[in-house]
Amino acid sequence: MADTSKLHPATTVTNIKSCIPIVLDYEGSQYNNWATLFKLHCRANLVIDHILPPASPTVPPPATAAEKLAAKALWERLDDIVRQWIYGTISNDLLNTIIHPEDTAAEAWDRLVHLFQDNKSARALALDAKFTNTKLVDFPNVKAYCTRLKVLADNLANVGHKVSDERLVLRLLARVVGGI
């Protein structure tokens, strides 16, 4: 019988999609939500340092050669588990873009961060154009139109360009009253 007192919590996760139900794709509209859920999951399973390495180690290094080998093996296993979580919660296209056989979880994480955070200005421009040009006539009902405007406003906030409540309401009213 296995000694469960030494079982690391990350090794017990059997279905990452039940913990992180968002599939991150190139559109990236869910990036902030996905990243938040992913970090929460990593903290809860004691592996956050695999994607966000600490500035300085907080645990003393193992003393003996055997302890060092065991610590290295555990670190590599946990890192592979975290990489599997990352790969299992992104689209196939995104996976094909970021996957590298010898990566660490932190390197895969950093690739995603750079992909979605480095082009904030370009994404903000594109999202603002969509927000400004969204028309009620393109939607089956007002609820779908309002939902789309809210999603676009949230996406703009995610790239650092918050839409004020006043602008959101004015955009909604201009399109509803004007019928365009």
C-alpha atoms as a PDB file:
ATOM      1  CA  MET A   1       0.000   0.000   0.000  1.00  0.00           C
ATOM      2  CA  ALA A   2       1.343   3.444  -0.957  1.00  0.00           C
ATOM      3  CA  ASP A   3       2.263   6.019   1.667  1.00  0.00           C
ATOM      4  CA  THR A   4      -0.276   8.800   1.005  1.00  0.00           C
ATOM      5  CA  SER A   5       1.405  11.162   3.451  1.00  0.00           C
ATOM      6  CA  LYS A   6       4.087  11.783   0.794  1.00  0.00           C
ATOM      7  CA  LEU A   7       1.623  12.098  -2.089  1.00  0.00           C
ATOM      8  CA  HIS A   8       1.900  15.534  -3.670  1.00  0.00           C
ATOM      9  CA  PRO A   9      -1.517  17.181  -4.334  1.00  0.00           C
ATOM     10  CA  ALA A  10      -0.667  17.880  -7.986  1.00  0.00           C
ATOM     11  CA  THR A  11      -0.307  14.163  -8.676  1.00  0.00           C
ATOM     12  CA  THR A  12      -3.931  13.545  -7.699  1.00  0.00           C
ATOM     13  CA  VAL A  13      -5.497  15.779 -10.371  1.00  0.00           C
ATOM     14  CA  THR A  14      -7.070  13.438 -12.894  1.00  0.00           C
ATOM     15  CA  ASN A  15      -9.077  15.836 -15.062  1.00  0.00           C
ATOM     16  CA  ILE A  16      -7.680  19.340 -15.492  1.00  0.00           C
ATOM     17  CA  LYS A  17     -10.678  20.397 -17.587  1.00  0.00           C
ATOM     18  CA  SER A  18     -12.959  19.973 -14.594  1.00  0.00           C
ATOM     19  CA  CYS A  19     -10.733  22.385 -12.657  1.00  0.00           C
ATOM     20  CA  ILE A  20     -10.116  24.838 -15.514  1.00  0.00           C
ATOM     21  CA  PRO A  21     -13.136  24.629 -17.835  1.00  0.00           C
ATOM     22  CA  ILE A  22     -11.899  27.389 -20.176  1.00  0.00           C
ATOM     23  CA  VAL A  23     -10.064  26.418 -23.353  1.00  0.00           C
ATOM     24  CA  LEU A  24      -7.693  29.234 -24.248  1.00  0.00           C
ATOM     25  CA  ASP A  25      -7.540  29.967 -27.973  1.00  0.00           C
ATOM     26  CA  TYR A  26      -5.867  32.461 -30.309  1.00  0.00           C
ATOM     27  CA  GLU A  27      -8.665  34.976 -29.921  1.00  0.00           C
ATOM     28  CA  GLY A  28      -7.563  35.239 -26.307  1.00  0.00           C
ATOM     29  CA  SER A  29     -10.798  36.764 -25.103  1.00  0.00           C
ATOM     30  CA  GLN A  30     -10.653  34.486 -22.079  1.00  0.00           C
ATOM     31  CA  TYR A  31      -6.934  34.869 -21.386  1.00  0.00           C
ATOM     32  CA  ASN A  32      -7.242  36.741 -18.077  1.00  0.00           C
ATOM     33  CA  ASN A  33      -9.921  34.377 -16.783  1.00  0.00           C
ATOM     34  CA  TRP A  34      -7.923  31.338 -17.921  1.00  0.00           C
ATOM     35  CA  ALA A  35      -4.687  32.653 -16.366  1.00  0.00           C
ATOM     36  CA  THR A  36      -6.444  33.483 -13.087  1.00  0.00           C
ATOM     37  CA  LEU A  37      -8.001  30.011 -12.840  1.00  0.00           C
ATOM     38  CA  PHE A  38      -4.706  28.398 -13.785  1.00  0.00           C
ATOM     39  CA  LYS A  39      -2.742  30.297 -11.123  1.00  0.00           C
ATOM     40  CA  LEU A  40      -5.388  29.511  -8.490  1.00  0.00           C
ATOM     41  CA  HIS A  41      -5.214  25.836  -9.407  1.00  0.00           C
ATOM     42  CA  CYS A  42      -1.420  25.841  -9.217  1.00  0.00           C
ATOM     43  CA  ARG A  43      -1.435  27.576  -5.813  1.00  0.00           C
ATOM     44  CA  ALA A  44      -4.011  25.119  -4.478  1.00  0.00           C
ATOM     45  CA  ASN A  45      -1.871  22.211  -5.664  1.00  0.00           C
ATOM     46  CA  LEU A  46       1.430  23.666  -4.398  1.00  0.00           C
ATOM     47  CA  VAL A  47       3.063  24.065  -7.827  1.00  0.00           C
ATOM     48  CA  ILE A  48       2.761  27.810  -8.481  1.00  0.00           C
ATOM     49  CA  ASP A  49       6.558  28.086  -8.490  1.00  0.00           C
ATOM     50  CA  HIS A  50       6.577  25.980 -11.672  1.00  0.00           C
ATOM     51  CA  ILE A  51       4.972  28.819 -13.644  1.00  0.00           C
ATOM     52  CA  LEU A  52       5.958  31.804 -11.496  1.00  0.00           C
ATOM     53  CA  PRO A  53       9.377  30.995 -10.052  1.00  0.00           C
ATOM     54  CA  PRO A  54      10.115  32.795  -6.759  1.00  0.00           C
ATOM     55  CA  ALA A  55      12.786  35.492  -6.717  1.00  0.00           C
ATOM     56  CA  SER A  56      14.733  33.512  -4.143  1.00  0.00           C
ATOM     57  CA  PRO A  57      14.354  29.909  -2.974  1.00  0.00           C
ATOM     58  CA  THR A  58      12.410  29.529   0.258  1.00  0.00           C
ATOM     59  CA  VAL A  59      13.249  25.876   0.910  1.00  0.00           C
ATOM     60  CA  PRO A  60      16.750  24.806   1.960  1.00  0.00           C
ATOM     61  CA  PRO A  61      18.458  22.560  -0.586  1.00  0.00           C
ATOM     62  CA  PRO A  62      18.586  18.827   0.188  1.00  0.00           C
ATOM     63  CA  ALA A  63      21.673  17.753   2.095  1.00  0.00           C
ATOM     64  CA  THR A  64      22.592  14.360   0.658  1.00  0.00           C
ATOM     65  CA  ALA A  65      23.121  13.261  -2.927  1.00  0.00           C
ATOM     66  CA  ALA A  66      20.150  10.892  -2.647  1.00  0.00           C
ATOM     67  CA  GLU A  67      17.920  13.704  -1.392  1.00  0.00           C
ATOM     68  CA  LYS A  68      19.095  15.913  -4.257  1.00  0.00           C
ATOM     69  CA  LEU A  69      18.271  13.219  -6.806  1.00  0.00           C
ATOM     70  CA  ALA A  70      14.856  12.616  -5.250  1.00  0.00           C
ATOM     71  CA  ALA A  71      14.109  16.368  -5.128  1.00  0.00           C
ATOM     72  CA  LYS A  72      15.167  16.766  -8.779  1.00  0.00           C
ATOM     73  CA  ALA A  73      13.025  13.818  -9.868  1.00  0.00           C
ATOM     74  CA  LEU A  74       9.983  15.188  -7.994  1.00  0.00           C
ATOM     75  CA  TRP A  75      10.539  18.680  -9.429  1.00  0.00           C
ATOM     76  CA  GLU A  76      10.739  17.294 -12.991  1.00  0.00           C
ATOM     77  CA  ARG A  77       7.628  15.153 -12.490  1.00  0.00           C
ATOM     78  CA  LEU A  78       5.630  18.077 -11.094  1.00  0.00           C
ATOM     79  CA  ASP A  79       6.891  20.338 -13.877  1.00  0.00           C
ATOM     80  CA  ASP A  80       5.713  17.812 -16.478  1.00  0.00           C
ATOM     81  CA  ILE A  81       2.323  17.634 -14.760  1.00  0.00           C
ATOM     82  CA  VAL A  82       1.976  21.432 -14.890  1.00  0.00           C
ATOM     83  CA  ARG A  83       3.008  21.422 -18.568  1.00  0.00           C
ATOM     84  CA  GLN A  84       0.316  18.821 -19.224  1.00  0.00           C
ATOM     85  CA  TRP A  85      -2.209  21.097 -17.497  1.00  0.00           C
ATOM     86  CA  ILE A  86      -1.166  24.006 -19.697  1.00  0.00           C
ATOM     87  CA  TYR A  87      -1.278  21.927 -22.869  1.00  0.00           C
ATOM     88  CA  GLY A  88      -4.603  20.361 -21.849  1.00  0.00           C
ATOM     89  CA  THR A  89      -6.352  23.706 -21.414  1.00  0.00           C
ATOM     90  CA  ILE A  90      -5.400  25.440 -24.662  1.00  0.00           C
ATOM     91  CA  SER A  91      -6.612  24.978 -28.238  1.00  0.00           C
ATOM     92  CA  ASN A  92      -4.724  22.689 -30.633  1.00  0.00           C
ATOM     93  CA  ASP A  93      -3.610  25.658 -32.746  1.00  0.00           C
ATOM     94  CA  LEU A  94      -2.210  27.405 -29.693  1.00  0.00           C
ATOM     95  CA  LEU A  95      -0.596  24.169 -28.524  1.00  0.00           C
ATOM     96  CA  ASN A  96       1.159  23.766 -31.885  1.00  0.00           C
ATOM     97  CA  THR A  97       2.481  27.319 -31.536  1.00  0.00           C
ATOM     98  CA  ILE A  98       3.967  27.047 -28.056  1.00  0.00           C
ATOM     99  CA  ILE A  99       4.936  23.394 -27.566  1.00  0.00           C
ATOM    100  CA  HIS A 100       8.630  22.505 -27.365  1.00  0.00           C
ATOM    101  CA  PRO A 101       9.776  19.048 -26.238  1.00  0.00           C
ATOM    102  CA  GLU A 102      12.358  20.214 -23.704  1.00  0.00           C
ATOM    103  CA  ASP A 103      10.401  23.121 -22.232  1.00  0.00           C
ATOM    104  CA  THR A 104       9.750  23.677 -18.598  1.00  0.00           C
ATOM    105  CA  ALA A 105       6.293  24.680 -17.435  1.00  0.00           C
ATOM    106  CA  ALA A 106       7.598  28.214 -16.814  1.00  0.00           C
ATOM    107  CA  GLU A 107       8.835  28.486 -20.414  1.00  0.00           C
ATOM    108  CA  ALA A 108       5.472  27.325 -21.796  1.00  0.00           C
ATOM    109  CA  TRP A 109       3.695  29.753 -19.442  1.00  0.00           C
ATOM    110  CA  ASP A 110       5.961  32.614 -20.513  1.00  0.00           C
ATOM    111  CA  ARG A 111       5.278  31.905 -24.196  1.00  0.00           C
ATOM    112  CA  LEU A 112       1.551  32.276 -23.535  1.00  0.00           C
ATOM    113  CA  VAL A 113       2.035  35.430 -21.475  1.00  0.00           C
ATOM    114  CA  HIS A 114       4.096  37.005 -24.254  1.00  0.00           C
ATOM    115  CA  LEU A 115       1.644  35.910 -26.919  1.00  0.00           C
ATOM    116  CA  PHE A 116      -1.294  37.552 -25.151  1.00  0.00           C
ATOM    117  CA  GLN A 117       0.328  40.422 -23.271  1.00  0.00           C
ATOM    118  CA  ASP A 118       3.017  41.732 -25.629  1.00  0.00           C
ATOM    119  CA  ASN A 119       0.599  42.960 -28.268  1.00  0.00           C
ATOM    120  CA  LYS A 120      -1.825  44.756 -25.971  1.00  0.00           C
ATOM    121  CA  SER A 121      -1.943  47.940 -28.036  1.00  0.00           C
ATOM    122  CA  ALA A 122      -2.739  46.144 -31.285  1.00  0.00           C
ATOM    123  CA  ARG A 123      -5.367  44.015 -29.548  1.00  0.00           C
ATOM    124  CA  ALA A 124      -6.855  47.109 -27.901  1.00  0.00           C
ATOM    125  CA  LEU A 125      -7.162  48.852 -31.284  1.00  0.00           C
ATOM    126  CA  ALA A 126      -8.848  45.844 -32.862  1.00  0.00           C
ATOM    127  CA  LEU A 127     -11.202  45.370 -29.916  1.00  0.00           C
ATOM    128  CA  ASP A 128     -12.091  49.053 -29.808  1.00  0.00           C
ATOM    129  CA  ALA A 129     -12.949  48.979 -33.505  1.00  0.00           C
ATOM    130  CA  LYS A 130     -15.194  45.963 -32.911  1.00  0.00           C
ATOM    131  CA  PHE A 131     -16.793  47.687 -29.913  1.00  0.00           C
ATOM    132  CA  THR A 132     -17.420  50.892 -31.856  1.00  0.00           C
ATOM    133  CA  ASN A 133     -18.763  49.119 -34.946  1.00  0.00           C
ATOM    134  CA  THR A 134     -20.966  46.510 -33.279  1.00  0.00           C
ATOM    135  CA  LYS A 135     -24.513  46.991 -34.572  1.00  0.00           C
ATOM    136  CA  LEU A 136     -27.817  45.806 -33.174  1.00  0.00           C
ATOM    137  CA  VAL A 137     -29.005  44.722 -36.624  1.00  0.00           C
ATOM    138  CA  ASP A 138     -26.285  42.046 -36.646  1.00  0.00           C
ATOM    139  CA  PHE A 139     -27.831  40.241 -33.659  1.00  0.00           C
ATOM    140  CA  PRO A 140     -31.030  38.205 -33.259  1.00  0.00           C
ATOM    141  CA  ASN A 141     -32.097  40.185 -30.183  1.00  0.00           C
ATOM    142  CA  VAL A 142     -31.097  42.966 -27.790  1.00  0.00           C
ATOM    143  CA  LYS A 143     -29.815  40.500 -25.200  1.00  0.00           C
ATOM    144  CA  ALA A 144     -27.277  39.027 -27.639  1.00  0.00           C
ATOM    145  CA  TYR A 145     -26.226  42.552 -28.647  1.00  0.00           C
ATOM    146  CA  CYS A 146     -25.770  43.642 -25.015  1.00  0.00           C
ATOM    147  CA  THR A 147     -23.837  40.476 -24.228  1.00  0.00           C
ATOM    148  CA  ARG A 148     -21.466  41.097 -27.147  1.00  0.00           C
ATOM    149  CA  LEU A 149     -20.850  44.703 -26.061  1.00  0.00           C
ATOM    150  CA  LYS A 150     -20.160  43.551 -22.498  1.00  0.00           C
ATOM    151  CA  VAL A 151     -17.717  40.875 -23.691  1.00  0.00           C
ATOM    152  CA  LEU A 152     -15.899  43.403 -25.871  1.00  0.00           C
ATOM    153  CA  ALA A 153     -15.768  45.884 -22.954  1.00  0.00           C
ATOM    154  CA  ASP A 154     -14.366  43.164 -20.682  1.00  0.00           C
ATOM    155  CA  ASN A 155     -11.787  42.210 -23.311  1.00  0.00           C
ATOM    156  CA  LEU A 156     -10.717  45.833 -23.607  1.00  0.00           C
ATOM    157  CA  ALA A 157     -10.311  45.985 -19.823  1.00  0.00           C
ATOM    158  CA  ASN A 158      -8.198  42.826 -20.011  1.00  0.00           C
ATOM    159  CA  VAL A 159      -5.698  44.623 -22.261  1.00  0.00           C
ATOM    160  CA  GLY A 160      -5.607  47.717 -20.072  1.00  0.00           C
ATOM    161  CA  HIS A 161      -8.219  49.861 -21.850  1.00  0.00           C
ATOM    162  CA  LYS A 162     -11.228  49.892 -19.567  1.00  0.00           C
ATOM    163  CA  VAL A 163     -14.507  51.000 -21.086  1.00  0.00           C
ATOM    164  CA  SER A 164     -16.330  53.311 -18.701  1.00  0.00           C
ATOM    165  CA  ASP A 165     -19.871  52.383 -17.720  1.00  0.00           C
ATOM    166  CA  GLU A 166     -20.989  55.654 -19.281  1.00  0.00           C
ATOM    167  CA  ARG A 167     -19.401  54.779 -22.649  1.00  0.00           C
ATOM    168  CA  LEU A 168     -20.905  51.305 -22.530  1.00  0.00           C
ATOM    169  CA  VAL A 169     -24.392  52.682 -21.830  1.00  0.00           C
ATOM    170  CA  LEU A 170     -24.032  55.382 -24.488  1.00  0.00           C
ATOM    171  CA  ARG A 171     -22.907  52.827 -27.072  1.00  0.00           C
ATOM    172  CA  LEU A 172     -25.840  50.604 -26.189  1.00  0.00           C
ATOM    173  CA  LEU A 173     -28.376  53.431 -26.301  1.00  0.00           C
ATOM    174  CA  ALA A 174     -27.002  54.932 -29.499  1.00  0.00           C
ATOM    175  CA  ARG A 175     -27.399  51.620 -31.295  1.00  0.00           C
ATOM    176  CA  VAL A 176     -30.766  50.704 -29.752  1.00  0.00           C
ATOM    177  CA  VAL A 177     -32.381  54.138 -30.171  1.00  0.00           C
ATOM    178  CA  GLY A 178     -30.852  54.634 -33.590  1.00  0.00           C
ATOM    179  CA  GLY A 179     -31.645  51.058 -34.614  1.00  0.00           C
ATOM    180  CA  ILE A 180     -28.244  50.628 -36.200  1.00  0.00           C
END
